[in-house]
PDB file of all heavy atoms in Angstrom:
ATOM      1  N   LYS A   1      43.971 -79.875 -30.023  1.00  0.00           N
ATOM      2  CA  LYS A   1      45.422 -79.731 -29.880  1.00  0.00           C
ATOM      3  C   LYS A   1      46.084 -81.108 -29.979  1.00  0.00           C
ATOM      4  O   LYS A   1      45.813 -82.007 -29.195  1.00  0.00           O
ATOM      5  CB  LYS A   1      45.760 -79.096 -28.527  1.00  0.00           C
ATOM      6  CG  LYS A   1      47.239 -79.115 -28.140  1.00  0.00           C
ATOM      7  CD  LYS A   1      48.084 -78.189 -29.001  1.00  0.00           C
ATOM      8  CE  LYS A   1      49.542 -78.200 -28.578  1.00  0.00           C
ATOM      9  NZ  LYS A   1      49.744 -77.712 -27.205  1.00  0.00           N
ATOM     10  N   LEU A   2      46.970 -81.242 -30.952  1.00  0.00           N
ATOM     11  CA  LEU A   2      47.762 -82.449 -31.134  1.00  0.00           C
ATOM     12  C   LEU A   2      49.218 -82.102 -30.881  1.00  0.00           C
ATOM     13  O   LEU A   2      49.653 -80.988 -31.183  1.00  0.00           O
ATOM     14  CB  LEU A   2      47.573 -83.001 -32.552  1.00  0.00           C
ATOM     15  CG  LEU A   2      46.116 -83.202 -32.994  1.00  0.00           C
ATOM     16  CD1 LEU A   2      46.061 -83.596 -34.466  1.00  0.00           C
ATOM     17  CD2 LEU A   2      45.423 -84.232 -32.132  1.00  0.00           C
ATOM     18  N   VAL A   3      49.973 -83.022 -30.331  1.00  0.00           N
ATOM     19  CA  VAL A   3      51.384 -82.769 -30.018  1.00  0.00           C
ATOM     20  C   VAL A   3      52.239 -83.663 -30.905  1.00  0.00           C
ATOM     21  O   VAL A   3      52.280 -84.882 -30.726  1.00  0.00           O
ATOM     22  CB  VAL A   3      51.690 -83.026 -28.532  1.00  0.00           C
ATOM     23  CG1 VAL A   3      53.164 -82.763 -28.234  1.00  0.00           C
ATOM     24  CG2 VAL A   3      50.814 -82.135 -27.647  1.00  0.00           C
ATOM     25  N   GLY A   4      52.927 -83.033 -31.874  1.00  0.00           N
ATOM     26  CA  GLY A   4      53.660 -83.798 -32.879  1.00  0.00           C
ATOM     27  C   GLY A   4      55.063 -84.194 -32.493  1.00  0.00           C
ATOM     28  O   GLY A   4      55.603 -85.176 -33.017  1.00  0.00           O
ATOM     29  N   ASP A   5      55.697 -83.413 -31.605  1.00  0.00           N
ATOM     30  CA  ASP A   5      57.058 -83.758 -31.175  1.00  0.00           C
ATOM     31  C   ASP A   5      57.305 -83.161 -29.797  1.00  0.00           C
ATOM     32  O   ASP A   5      56.364 -82.796 -29.090  1.00  0.00           O
ATOM     33  CB  ASP A   5      58.110 -83.302 -32.211  1.00  0.00           C
ATOM     34  CG  ASP A   5      58.222 -81.786 -32.379  1.00  0.00           C
ATOM     35  OD1 ASP A   5      57.359 -81.056 -31.844  1.00  0.00           O
ATOM     36  OD2 ASP A   5      59.178 -81.332 -33.049  1.00  0.00           O
ATOM     37  N   GLY A   6      58.575 -83.057 -29.409  1.00  0.00           N
ATOM     38  CA  GLY A   6      58.924 -82.576 -28.080  1.00  0.00           C
ATOM     39  C   GLY A   6      59.434 -81.153 -28.100  1.00  0.00           C
ATOM     40  O   GLY A   6      58.808 -80.259 -28.652  1.00  0.00           O
ATOM     41  N   SER A   7      60.619 -80.941 -27.509  1.00  0.00           N
ATOM     42  CA  SER A   7      61.190 -79.604 -27.425  1.00  0.00           C
ATOM     43  C   SER A   7      62.662 -79.635 -27.807  1.00  0.00           C
ATOM     44  O   SER A   7      63.315 -80.676 -27.760  1.00  0.00           O
ATOM     45  CB  SER A   7      61.041 -79.039 -26.010  1.00  0.00           C
ATOM     46  OG  SER A   7      61.948 -79.681 -25.130  1.00  0.00           O
ATOM     47  N   LEU A   8      63.165 -78.465 -28.148  1.00  0.00           N
ATOM     48  CA  LEU A   8      64.577 -78.356 -28.532  1.00  0.00           C
ATOM     49  C   LEU A   8      65.476 -78.535 -27.312  1.00  0.00           C
ATOM     50  O   LEU A   8      66.510 -79.201 -27.375  1.00  0.00           O
ATOM     51  CB  LEU A   8      64.813 -76.991 -29.181  1.00  0.00           C
ATOM     52  CG  LEU A   8      65.973 -76.876 -30.181  1.00  0.00           C
ATOM     53  CD1 LEU A   8      65.810 -77.856 -31.335  1.00  0.00           C
ATOM     54  CD2 LEU A   8      66.057 -75.447 -30.718  1.00  0.00           C
ATOM     55  N   GLY A   9      65.064 -77.939 -26.180  1.00  0.00           N
ATOM     56  CA  GLY A   9      65.876 -78.030 -24.971  1.00  0.00           C
ATOM     57  C   GLY A   9      66.080 -79.450 -24.506  1.00  0.00           C
ATOM     58  O   GLY A   9      67.161 -79.821 -24.028  1.00  0.00           O
ATOM     59  N   SER A  10      65.053 -80.287 -24.659  1.00  0.00           N
ATOM     60  CA  SER A  10      65.143 -81.695 -24.258  1.00  0.00           C
ATOM     61  C   SER A  10      65.651 -82.598 -25.391  1.00  0.00           C
ATOM     62  O   SER A  10      65.695 -83.809 -25.235  1.00  0.00           O
ATOM     63  CB  SER A  10      63.763 -82.181 -23.803  1.00  0.00           C
ATOM     64  OG  SER A  10      63.335 -81.504 -22.653  1.00  0.00           O
ATOM     65  N   ARG A  11      65.987 -81.995 -26.520  1.00  0.00           N
ATOM     66  CA  ARG A  11      66.433 -82.718 -27.728  1.00  0.00           C
ATOM     67  C   ARG A  11      65.385 -83.745 -28.188  1.00  0.00           C
ATOM     68  O   ARG A  11      65.715 -84.824 -28.685  1.00  0.00           O
ATOM     69  CB  ARG A  11      67.782 -83.421 -27.510  1.00  0.00           C
ATOM     70  CG  ARG A  11      68.954 -82.480 -27.294  1.00  0.00           C
ATOM     71  CD  ARG A  11      70.292 -83.237 -27.262  1.00  0.00           C
ATOM     72  NE  ARG A  11      71.391 -82.353 -26.949  1.00  0.00           N
ATOM     73  CZ  ARG A  11      71.783 -82.045 -25.715  1.00  0.00           C
ATOM     74  NH1 ARG A  11      71.117 -82.543 -24.661  1.00  0.00           N
ATOM     75  NH2 ARG A  11      72.804 -81.243 -25.496  1.00  0.00           N
ATOM     76  N   SER A  12      64.125 -83.382 -28.005  1.00  0.00           N
ATOM     77  CA  SER A  12      63.062 -84.281 -28.447  1.00  0.00           C
ATOM     78  C   SER A  12      62.223 -83.683 -29.571  1.00  0.00           C
ATOM     79  O   SER A  12      61.300 -84.330 -30.068  1.00  0.00           O
ATOM     80  CB  SER A  12      62.161 -84.666 -27.270  1.00  0.00           C
ATOM     81  OG  SER A  12      61.626 -83.522 -26.622  1.00  0.00           O
ATOM     82  N   ALA A  13      62.532 -82.437 -29.990  1.00  0.00           N
ATOM     83  CA  ALA A  13      61.923 -81.900 -31.198  1.00  0.00           C
ATOM     84  C   ALA A  13      62.372 -82.759 -32.372  1.00  0.00           C
ATOM     85  O   ALA A  13      63.548 -83.128 -32.471  1.00  0.00           O
ATOM     86  CB  ALA A  13      62.341 -80.448 -31.405  1.00  0.00           C
ATOM     87  N   ALA A  14      61.442 -83.107 -33.265  1.00  0.00           N
ATOM     88  CA  ALA A  14      61.753 -84.018 -34.374  1.00  0.00           C
ATOM     89  C   ALA A  14      62.367 -83.246 -35.544  1.00  0.00           C
ATOM     90  O   ALA A  14      61.711 -82.397 -36.150  1.00  0.00           O
ATOM     91  CB  ALA A  14      60.499 -84.743 -34.815  1.00  0.00           C
ATOM     92  N   LEU A  15      63.633 -83.538 -35.836  1.00  0.00           N
ATOM     93  CA  LEU A  15      64.364 -82.865 -36.906  1.00  0.00           C
ATOM     94  C   LEU A  15      64.512 -83.785 -38.119  1.00  0.00           C
ATOM     95  O   LEU A  15      64.525 -85.014 -37.994  1.00  0.00           O
ATOM     96  CB  LEU A  15      65.751 -82.453 -36.420  1.00  0.00           C
ATOM     97  CG  LEU A  15      65.817 -81.528 -35.201  1.00  0.00           C
ATOM     98  CD1 LEU A  15      67.264 -81.247 -34.825  1.00  0.00           C
ATOM     99  CD2 LEU A  15      65.069 -80.215 -35.467  1.00  0.00           C
ATOM    100  N   ILE A  16      64.652 -83.178 -39.289  1.00  0.00           N
ATOM    101  CA  ILE A  16      64.872 -83.965 -40.511  1.00  0.00           C
ATOM    102  C   ILE A  16      66.275 -84.554 -40.514  1.00  0.00           C
ATOM    103  O   ILE A  16      66.483 -85.714 -40.875  1.00  0.00           O
ATOM    104  CB  ILE A  16      64.642 -83.072 -41.760  1.00  0.00           C
ATOM    105  CG1 ILE A  16      63.162 -82.659 -41.841  1.00  0.00           C
ATOM    106  CG2 ILE A  16      65.068 -83.799 -43.030  1.00  0.00           C
ATOM    107  CD1 ILE A  16      62.860 -81.628 -42.907  1.00  0.00           C
ATOM    108  N   GLU A  17      67.253 -83.758 -40.068  1.00  0.00           N
ATOM    109  CA  GLU A  17      68.637 -84.228 -39.966  1.00  0.00           C
ATOM    110  C   GLU A  17      69.020 -84.329 -38.486  1.00  0.00           C
ATOM    111  O   GLU A  17      68.328 -83.814 -37.617  1.00  0.00           O
ATOM    112  CB  GLU A  17      69.587 -83.259 -40.690  1.00  0.00           C
ATOM    113  CG  GLU A  17      69.277 -83.070 -42.174  1.00  0.00           C
ATOM    114  CD  GLU A  17      69.453 -84.341 -42.991  1.00  0.00           C
ATOM    115  OE1 GLU A  17      70.232 -85.217 -42.552  1.00  0.00           O
ATOM    116  OE2 GLU A  17      68.827 -84.459 -44.063  1.00  0.00           O
ATOM    117  N   ASP A  18      70.158 -84.971 -38.221  1.00  0.00           N
ATOM    118  CA  ASP A  18      70.598 -85.208 -36.844  1.00  0.00           C
ATOM    119  C   ASP A  18      70.780 -83.899 -36.064  1.00  0.00           C
ATOM    120  O   ASP A  18      71.072 -82.839 -36.645  1.00  0.00           O
ATOM    121  CB  ASP A  18      71.960 -85.933 -36.818  1.00  0.00           C
ATOM    122  CG  ASP A  18      71.847 -87.379 -37.270  1.00  0.00           C
ATOM    123  OD1 ASP A  18      70.722 -87.837 -37.558  1.00  0.00           O
ATOM    124  OD2 ASP A  18      72.899 -88.042 -37.348  1.00  0.00           O
ATOM    125  N   TYR A  19      70.655 -84.010 -34.755  1.00  0.00           N
ATOM    126  CA  TYR A  19      71.024 -82.897 -33.880  1.00  0.00           C
ATOM    127  C   TYR A  19      72.514 -82.605 -34.058  1.00  0.00           C
ATOM    128  O   TYR A  19      73.339 -83.515 -34.120  1.00  0.00           O
ATOM    129  CB  TYR A  19      70.733 -83.246 -32.415  1.00  0.00           C
ATOM    130  CG  TYR A  19      69.322 -82.910 -31.999  1.00  0.00           C
ATOM    131  CD1 TYR A  19      68.252 -83.741 -32.363  1.00  0.00           C
ATOM    132  CD2 TYR A  19      69.047 -81.770 -31.262  1.00  0.00           C
ATOM    133  CE1 TYR A  19      66.949 -83.434 -31.992  1.00  0.00           C
ATOM    134  CE2 TYR A  19      67.749 -81.452 -30.876  1.00  0.00           C
ATOM    135  CZ  TYR A  19      66.704 -82.281 -31.261  1.00  0.00           C
ATOM    136  OH  TYR A  19      65.423 -81.967 -30.895  1.00  0.00           O
ATOM    137  N   HIS A  20      72.821 -81.330 -34.117  1.00  0.00           N
ATOM    138  CA  HIS A  20      74.204 -80.915 -34.292  1.00  0.00           C
ATOM    139  C   HIS A  20      75.061 -81.336 -33.101  1.00  0.00           C
ATOM    140  O   HIS A  20      76.244 -81.658 -33.255  1.00  0.00           O
ATOM    141  CB  HIS A  20      74.247 -79.391 -34.460  1.00  0.00           C
ATOM    142  CG  HIS A  20      75.588 -78.827 -34.798  1.00  0.00           C
ATOM    143  ND1 HIS A  20      76.369 -78.172 -33.870  1.00  0.00           N
ATOM    144  CD2 HIS A  20      76.289 -78.826 -35.955  1.00  0.00           C
ATOM    145  CE1 HIS A  20      77.491 -77.782 -34.446  1.00  0.00           C
ATOM    146  NE2 HIS A  20      77.470 -78.159 -35.709  1.00  0.00           N
ATOM    147  N   ASP A  21      74.450 -81.319 -31.881  1.00  0.00           N
ATOM    148  CA  ASP A  21      75.205 -81.661 -30.674  1.00  0.00           C
ATOM    149  C   ASP A  21      74.887 -83.069 -30.153  1.00  0.00           C
ATOM    150  O   ASP A  21      75.243 -83.415 -29.031  1.00  0.00           O
ATOM    151  CB  ASP A  21      74.982 -80.619 -29.573  1.00  0.00           C
ATOM    152  CG  ASP A  21      73.522 -80.476 -29.163  1.00  0.00           C
ATOM    153  OD1 ASP A  21      72.654 -81.144 -29.761  1.00  0.00           O
ATOM    154  OD2 ASP A  21      73.253 -79.684 -28.237  1.00  0.00           O
ATOM    155  N   ARG A  22      74.222 -83.883 -30.981  1.00  0.00           N
ATOM    156  CA  ARG A  22      74.002 -85.289 -30.630  1.00  0.00           C
ATOM    157  C   ARG A  22      73.870 -86.098 -31.918  1.00  0.00           C
ATOM    158  O   ARG A  22      72.766 -86.466 -32.338  1.00  0.00           O
ATOM    159  CB  ARG A  22      72.765 -85.461 -29.750  1.00  0.00           C
ATOM    160  CG  ARG A  22      72.625 -86.882 -29.189  1.00  0.00           C
ATOM    161  CD  ARG A  22      71.397 -87.005 -28.280  1.00  0.00           C
ATOM    162  NE  ARG A  22      71.127 -88.395 -27.992  1.00  0.00           N
ATOM    163  CZ  ARG A  22      70.053 -88.837 -27.331  1.00  0.00           C
ATOM    164  NH1 ARG A  22      69.153 -87.967 -26.887  1.00  0.00           N
ATOM    165  NH2 ARG A  22      69.858 -90.127 -27.124  1.00  0.00           N
ATOM    166  N   PRO A  23      74.988 -86.373 -32.574  1.00  0.00           N
ATOM    167  CA  PRO A  23      74.952 -87.125 -33.839  1.00  0.00           C
ATOM    168  C   PRO A  23      74.238 -88.465 -33.678  1.00  0.00           C
ATOM    169  O   PRO A  23      74.364 -89.137 -32.652  1.00  0.00           O
ATOM    170  CB  PRO A  23      76.439 -87.317 -34.165  1.00  0.00           C
ATOM    171  CG  PRO A  23      77.127 -86.198 -33.459  1.00  0.00           C
ATOM    172  CD  PRO A  23      76.357 -85.982 -32.202  1.00  0.00           C
ATOM    173  N   GLY A  24      73.458 -88.818 -34.688  1.00  0.00           N
ATOM    174  CA  GLY A  24      72.719 -90.068 -34.650  1.00  0.00           C
ATOM    175  C   GLY A  24      71.329 -89.947 -34.037  1.00  0.00           C
ATOM    176  O   GLY A  24      70.570 -90.916 -34.033  1.00  0.00           O
ATOM    177  N   HIS A  25      71.004 -88.763 -33.552  1.00  0.00           N
ATOM    178  CA  HIS A  25      69.705 -88.555 -32.893  1.00  0.00           C
ATOM    179  C   HIS A  25      68.937 -87.465 -33.625  1.00  0.00           C
ATOM    180  O   HIS A  25      69.462 -86.377 -33.875  1.00  0.00           O
ATOM    181  CB  HIS A  25      69.933 -88.145 -31.437  1.00  0.00           C
ATOM    182  CG  HIS A  25      68.670 -87.906 -30.665  1.00  0.00           C
ATOM    183  ND1 HIS A  25      67.788 -88.913 -30.345  1.00  0.00           N
ATOM    184  CD2 HIS A  25      68.137 -86.760 -30.141  1.00  0.00           C
ATOM    185  CE1 HIS A  25      66.779 -88.403 -29.652  1.00  0.00           C
ATOM    186  NE2 HIS A  25      66.970 -87.104 -29.520  1.00  0.00           N
ATOM    187  N   LYS A  26      67.673 -87.756 -33.971  1.00  0.00           N
ATOM    188  CA  LYS A  26      66.847 -86.792 -34.701  1.00  0.00           C
ATOM    189  C   LYS A  26      65.647 -86.309 -33.892  1.00  0.00           C
ATOM    190  O   LYS A  26      64.793 -85.595 -34.407  1.00  0.00           O
ATOM    191  CB  LYS A  26      66.345 -87.426 -36.008  1.00  0.00           C
ATOM    192  CG  LYS A  26      67.419 -87.659 -37.065  1.00  0.00           C
ATOM    193  CD  LYS A  26      66.800 -88.219 -38.338  1.00  0.00           C
ATOM    194  CE  LYS A  26      67.798 -88.245 -39.486  1.00  0.00           C
ATOM    195  NZ  LYS A  26      68.886 -89.211 -39.262  1.00  0.00           N
ATOM    196  N   GLY A  27      65.554 -86.708 -32.611  1.00  0.00           N
ATOM    197  CA  GLY A  27      64.401 -86.318 -31.816  1.00  0.00           C
ATOM    198  C   GLY A  27      63.303 -87.361 -31.887  1.00  0.00           C
ATOM    199  O   GLY A  27      63.511 -88.473 -32.383  1.00  0.00           O
ATOM    200  N   ASN A  28      62.109 -86.986 -31.425  1.00  0.00           N
ATOM    201  CA  ASN A  28      61.028 -87.969 -31.265  1.00  0.00           C
ATOM    202  C   ASN A  28      59.725 -87.480 -31.890  1.00  0.00           C
ATOM    203  O   ASN A  28      59.198 -86.442 -31.509  1.00  0.00           O
ATOM    204  CB  ASN A  28      60.774 -88.226 -29.776  1.00  0.00           C
ATOM    205  CG  ASN A  28      62.040 -88.606 -29.027  1.00  0.00           C
ATOM    206  OD1 ASN A  28      62.843 -89.391 -29.496  1.00  0.00           O
ATOM    207  ND2 ASN A  28      62.226 -88.020 -27.844  1.00  0.00           N
ATOM    208  N   TYR A  29      59.209 -88.260 -32.831  1.00  0.00           N
ATOM    209  CA  TYR A  29      57.870 -88.012 -33.362  1.00  0.00           C
ATOM    210  C   TYR A  29      56.865 -88.655 -32.416  1.00  0.00           C
ATOM    211  O   TYR A  29      57.016 -89.817 -32.042  1.00  0.00           O
ATOM    212  CB  TYR A  29      57.706 -88.625 -34.749  1.00  0.00           C
ATOM    213  CG  TYR A  29      58.498 -87.960 -35.846  1.00  0.00           C
ATOM    214  CD1 TYR A  29      59.809 -88.347 -36.119  1.00  0.00           C
ATOM    215  CD2 TYR A  29      57.942 -86.940 -36.613  1.00  0.00           C
ATOM    216  CE1 TYR A  29      60.548 -87.749 -37.128  1.00  0.00           C
ATOM    217  CE2 TYR A  29      58.662 -86.329 -37.627  1.00  0.00           C
ATOM    218  CZ  TYR A  29      59.967 -86.742 -37.874  1.00  0.00           C
ATOM    219  OH  TYR A  29      60.696 -86.139 -38.871  1.00  0.00           O
ATOM    220  N   ARG A  30      55.815 -87.916 -32.070  1.00  0.00           N
ATOM    221  CA  ARG A  30      54.775 -88.483 -31.215  1.00  0.00           C
ATOM    222  C   ARG A  30      53.858 -89.427 -31.991  1.00  0.00           C
ATOM    223  O   ARG A  30      53.279 -90.346 -31.428  1.00  0.00           O
ATOM    224  CB  ARG A  30      53.934 -87.370 -30.595  1.00  0.00           C
ATOM    225  CG  ARG A  30      54.659 -86.524 -29.561  1.00  0.00           C
ATOM    226  CD  ARG A  30      54.909 -87.300 -28.268  1.00  0.00           C
ATOM    227  NE  ARG A  30      55.365 -86.408 -27.217  1.00  0.00           N
ATOM    228  CZ  ARG A  30      54.584 -85.872 -26.296  1.00  0.00           C
ATOM    229  NH1 ARG A  30      53.286 -86.118 -26.299  1.00  0.00           N
ATOM    230  NH2 ARG A  30      55.082 -85.080 -25.367  1.00  0.00           N
ATOM    231  N   PHE A  31      53.685 -89.145 -33.287  1.00  0.00           N
ATOM    232  CA  PHE A  31      52.763 -89.929 -34.105  1.00  0.00           C
ATOM    233  C   PHE A  31      53.455 -90.491 -35.338  1.00  0.00           C
ATOM    234  O   PHE A  31      54.380 -89.878 -35.879  1.00  0.00           O
ATOM    235  CB  PHE A  31      51.594 -89.047 -34.611  1.00  0.00           C
ATOM    236  CG  PHE A  31      50.867 -88.290 -33.556  1.00  0.00           C
ATOM    237  CD1 PHE A  31      50.855 -86.899 -33.556  1.00  0.00           C
ATOM    238  CD2 PHE A  31      50.153 -88.945 -32.569  1.00  0.00           C
ATOM    239  CE1 PHE A  31      50.164 -86.181 -32.597  1.00  0.00           C
ATOM    240  CE2 PHE A  31      49.455 -88.237 -31.594  1.00  0.00           C
ATOM    241  CZ  PHE A  31      49.467 -86.857 -31.607  1.00  0.00           C
ATOM    242  N   THR A  32      52.961 -91.625 -35.800  1.00  0.00           N
ATOM    243  CA  THR A  32      53.280 -92.044 -37.159  1.00  0.00           C
ATOM    244  C   THR A  32      52.466 -91.154 -38.100  1.00  0.00           C
ATOM    245  O   THR A  32      51.510 -90.489 -37.680  1.00  0.00           O
ATOM    246  CB  THR A  32      52.900 -93.513 -37.398  1.00  0.00           C
ATOM    247  OG1 THR A  32      51.462 -93.640 -37.292  1.00  0.00           O
ATOM    248  CG2 THR A  32      53.564 -94.434 -36.369  1.00  0.00           C
ATOM    249  N   ASP A  33      52.802 -91.148 -39.376  1.00  0.00           N
ATOM    250  CA  ASP A  33      52.048 -90.339 -40.336  1.00  0.00           C
ATOM    251  C   ASP A  33      50.573 -90.730 -40.345  1.00  0.00           C
ATOM    252  O   ASP A  33      49.684 -89.867 -40.419  1.00  0.00           O
ATOM    253  CB  ASP A  33      52.629 -90.506 -41.743  1.00  0.00           C
ATOM    254  CG  ASP A  33      54.010 -89.889 -41.880  1.00  0.00           C
ATOM    255  OD1 ASP A  33      54.424 -89.138 -40.970  1.00  0.00           O
ATOM    256  OD2 ASP A  33      54.679 -90.154 -42.894  1.00  0.00           O
ATOM    257  N   GLU A  34      50.304 -92.020 -40.273  1.00  0.00           N
ATOM    258  CA  GLU A  34      48.919 -92.488 -40.325  1.00  0.00           C
ATOM    259  C   GLU A  34      48.151 -92.155 -39.059  1.00  0.00           C
ATOM    260  O   GLU A  34      46.948 -91.871 -39.112  1.00  0.00           O
ATOM    261  CB  GLU A  34      48.875 -93.994 -40.608  1.00  0.00           C
ATOM    262  CG  GLU A  34      49.201 -94.351 -42.057  1.00  0.00           C
ATOM    263  CD  GLU A  34      48.328 -93.605 -43.060  1.00  0.00           C
ATOM    264  OE1 GLU A  34      47.082 -93.658 -42.920  1.00  0.00           O
ATOM    265  OE2 GLU A  34      48.872 -92.947 -43.968  1.00  0.00           O
ATOM    266  N   GLU A  35      48.821 -92.188 -37.912  1.00  0.00           N
ATOM    267  CA  GLU A  35      48.146 -91.793 -36.672  1.00  0.00           C
ATOM    268  C   GLU A  35      47.747 -90.326 -36.721  1.00  0.00           C
ATOM    269  O   GLU A  35      46.624 -89.959 -36.355  1.00  0.00           O
ATOM    270  CB  GLU A  35      49.063 -92.034 -35.470  1.00  0.00           C
ATOM    271  CG  GLU A  35      49.199 -93.494 -35.065  1.00  0.00           C
ATOM    272  CD  GLU A  35      50.239 -93.714 -33.976  1.00  0.00           C
ATOM    273  OE1 GLU A  35      51.139 -92.859 -33.821  1.00  0.00           O
ATOM    274  OE2 GLU A  35      50.159 -94.753 -33.305  1.00  0.00           O
ATOM    275  N   LEU A  36      48.664 -89.472 -37.169  1.00  0.00           N
ATOM    276  CA  LEU A  36      48.352 -88.045 -37.249  1.00  0.00           C
ATOM    277  C   LEU A  36      47.255 -87.806 -38.284  1.00  0.00           C
ATOM    278  O   LEU A  36      46.334 -87.013 -38.056  1.00  0.00           O
ATOM    279  CB  LEU A  36      49.610 -87.247 -37.600  1.00  0.00           C
ATOM    280  CG  LEU A  36      49.436 -85.719 -37.629  1.00  0.00           C
ATOM    281  CD1 LEU A  36      48.941 -85.190 -36.289  1.00  0.00           C
ATOM    282  CD2 LEU A  36      50.750 -85.040 -38.014  1.00  0.00           C
ATOM    283  N   TYR A  37      47.322 -88.499 -39.397  1.00  0.00           N
ATOM    284  CA  TYR A  37      46.298 -88.366 -40.436  1.00  0.00           C
ATOM    285  C   TYR A  37      44.922 -88.718 -39.875  1.00  0.00           C
ATOM    286  O   TYR A  37      43.939 -87.993 -40.094  1.00  0.00           O
ATOM    287  CB  TYR A  37      46.630 -89.264 -41.620  1.00  0.00           C
ATOM    288  CG  TYR A  37      45.485 -89.457 -42.592  1.00  0.00           C
ATOM    289  CD1 TYR A  37      45.112 -88.440 -43.476  1.00  0.00           C
ATOM    290  CD2 TYR A  37      44.757 -90.640 -42.608  1.00  0.00           C
ATOM    291  CE1 TYR A  37      44.047 -88.611 -44.355  1.00  0.00           C
ATOM    292  CE2 TYR A  37      43.693 -90.822 -43.474  1.00  0.00           C
ATOM    293  CZ  TYR A  37      43.351 -89.807 -44.345  1.00  0.00           C
ATOM    294  OH  TYR A  37      42.291 -89.974 -45.210  1.00  0.00           O
ATOM    295  N   ARG A  38      44.827 -89.811 -39.125  1.00  0.00           N
ATOM    296  CA  ARG A  38      43.539 -90.233 -38.575  1.00  0.00           C
ATOM    297  C   ARG A  38      42.979 -89.182 -37.625  1.00  0.00           C
ATOM    298  O   ARG A  38      41.783 -88.852 -37.658  1.00  0.00           O
ATOM    299  CB  ARG A  38      43.684 -91.567 -37.841  1.00  0.00           C
ATOM    300  CG  ARG A  38      42.347 -92.149 -37.378  1.00  0.00           C
ATOM    301  CD  ARG A  38      42.528 -93.295 -36.411  1.00  0.00           C
ATOM    302  NE  ARG A  38      43.111 -92.870 -35.135  1.00  0.00           N
ATOM    303  CZ  ARG A  38      42.426 -92.243 -34.180  1.00  0.00           C
ATOM    304  NH1 ARG A  38      41.134 -91.943 -34.351  1.00  0.00           N
ATOM    305  NH2 ARG A  38      43.014 -91.886 -33.057  1.00  0.00           N
ATOM    306  N   LEU A  39      43.842 -88.607 -36.782  1.00  0.00           N
ATOM    307  CA  LEU A  39      43.392 -87.601 -35.820  1.00  0.00           C
ATOM    308  C   LEU A  39      42.937 -86.318 -36.512  1.00  0.00           C
ATOM    309  O   LEU A  39      41.917 -85.720 -36.142  1.00  0.00           O
ATOM    310  CB  LEU A  39      44.512 -87.302 -34.827  1.00  0.00           C
ATOM    311  CG  LEU A  39      44.796 -88.400 -33.797  1.00  0.00           C
ATOM    312  CD1 LEU A  39      46.132 -88.149 -33.106  1.00  0.00           C
ATOM    313  CD2 LEU A  39      43.676 -88.484 -32.755  1.00  0.00           C
ATOM    314  N   VAL A  40      43.684 -85.875 -37.520  1.00  0.00           N
ATOM    315  CA  VAL A  40      43.322 -84.655 -38.244  1.00  0.00           C
ATOM    316  C   VAL A  40      42.046 -84.881 -39.055  1.00  0.00           C
ATOM    317  O   VAL A  40      41.147 -84.024 -39.086  1.00  0.00           O
ATOM    318  CB  VAL A  40      44.484 -84.189 -39.140  1.00  0.00           C
ATOM    319  CG1 VAL A  40      44.055 -83.012 -40.022  1.00  0.00           C
ATOM    320  CG2 VAL A  40      45.692 -83.798 -38.294  1.00  0.00           C
ATOM    321  N   LYS A  41      41.954 -86.021 -39.679  1.00  0.00           N
ATOM    322  CA  LYS A  41      40.768 -86.361 -40.469  1.00  0.00           C
ATOM    323  C   LYS A  41      39.523 -86.385 -39.573  1.00  0.00           C
ATOM    324  O   LYS A  41      38.445 -85.893 -39.954  1.00  0.00           O
ATOM    325  CB  LYS A  41      40.973 -87.734 -41.113  1.00  0.00           C
ATOM    326  CG  LYS A  41      39.838 -88.206 -42.012  1.00  0.00           C
ATOM    327  CD  LYS A  41      39.918 -87.584 -43.385  1.00  0.00           C
ATOM    328  CE  LYS A  41      38.933 -88.243 -44.342  1.00  0.00           C
ATOM    329  NZ  LYS A  41      38.918 -87.558 -45.650  1.00  0.00           N
ATOM    330  N   GLU A  42      39.679 -86.917 -38.387  1.00  0.00           N
ATOM    331  CA  GLU A  42      38.577 -86.994 -37.436  1.00  0.00           C
ATOM    332  C   GLU A  42      38.140 -85.590 -36.998  1.00  0.00           C
ATOM    333  O   GLU A  42      36.942 -85.283 -36.919  1.00  0.00           O
ATOM    334  CB  GLU A  42      39.004 -87.819 -36.229  1.00  0.00           C
ATOM    335  CG  GLU A  42      37.905 -88.133 -35.240  1.00  0.00           C
ATOM    336  CD  GLU A  42      38.401 -89.032 -34.113  1.00  0.00           C
ATOM    337  OE1 GLU A  42      39.460 -88.720 -33.518  1.00  0.00           O
ATOM    338  OE2 GLU A  42      37.739 -90.040 -33.834  1.00  0.00           O
ATOM    339  N   ALA A  43      39.110 -84.718 -36.711  1.00  0.00           N
ATOM    340  CA  ALA A  43      38.793 -83.337 -36.325  1.00  0.00           C
ATOM    341  C   ALA A  43      38.040 -82.625 -37.447  1.00  0.00           C
ATOM    342  O   ALA A  43      37.067 -81.897 -37.204  1.00  0.00           O
ATOM    343  CB  ALA A  43      40.065 -82.583 -35.957  1.00  0.00           C
ATOM    344  N   ARG A  44      38.482 -82.829 -38.669  1.00  0.00           N
ATOM    345  CA  ARG A  44      37.802 -82.219 -39.828  1.00  0.00           C
ATOM    346  C   ARG A  44      36.367 -82.724 -39.932  1.00  0.00           C
ATOM    347  O   ARG A  44      35.436 -81.943 -40.186  1.00  0.00           O
ATOM    348  CB  ARG A  44      38.579 -82.559 -41.109  1.00  0.00           C
ATOM    349  CG  ARG A  44      37.888 -82.125 -42.404  1.00  0.00           C
ATOM    350  CD  ARG A  44      37.882 -80.627 -42.566  1.00  0.00           C
ATOM    351  NE  ARG A  44      37.106 -80.212 -43.713  1.00  0.00           N
ATOM    352  CZ  ARG A  44      35.847 -79.793 -43.663  1.00  0.00           C
ATOM    353  NH1 ARG A  44      35.200 -79.734 -42.499  1.00  0.00           N
ATOM    354  NH2 ARG A  44      35.205 -79.399 -44.746  1.00  0.00           N
TER     355      ARG A  44
END
């Protein structure tokens, strides 16, 4: 189990575009692309 982002209620789910009710904020990615790649590659 890997956790890629947060939740919508906490405005920490990672969105491509800004939050509608918080301009300038897109949420939080837990991993960089390379960090997630390394973890998935390792699991495989």
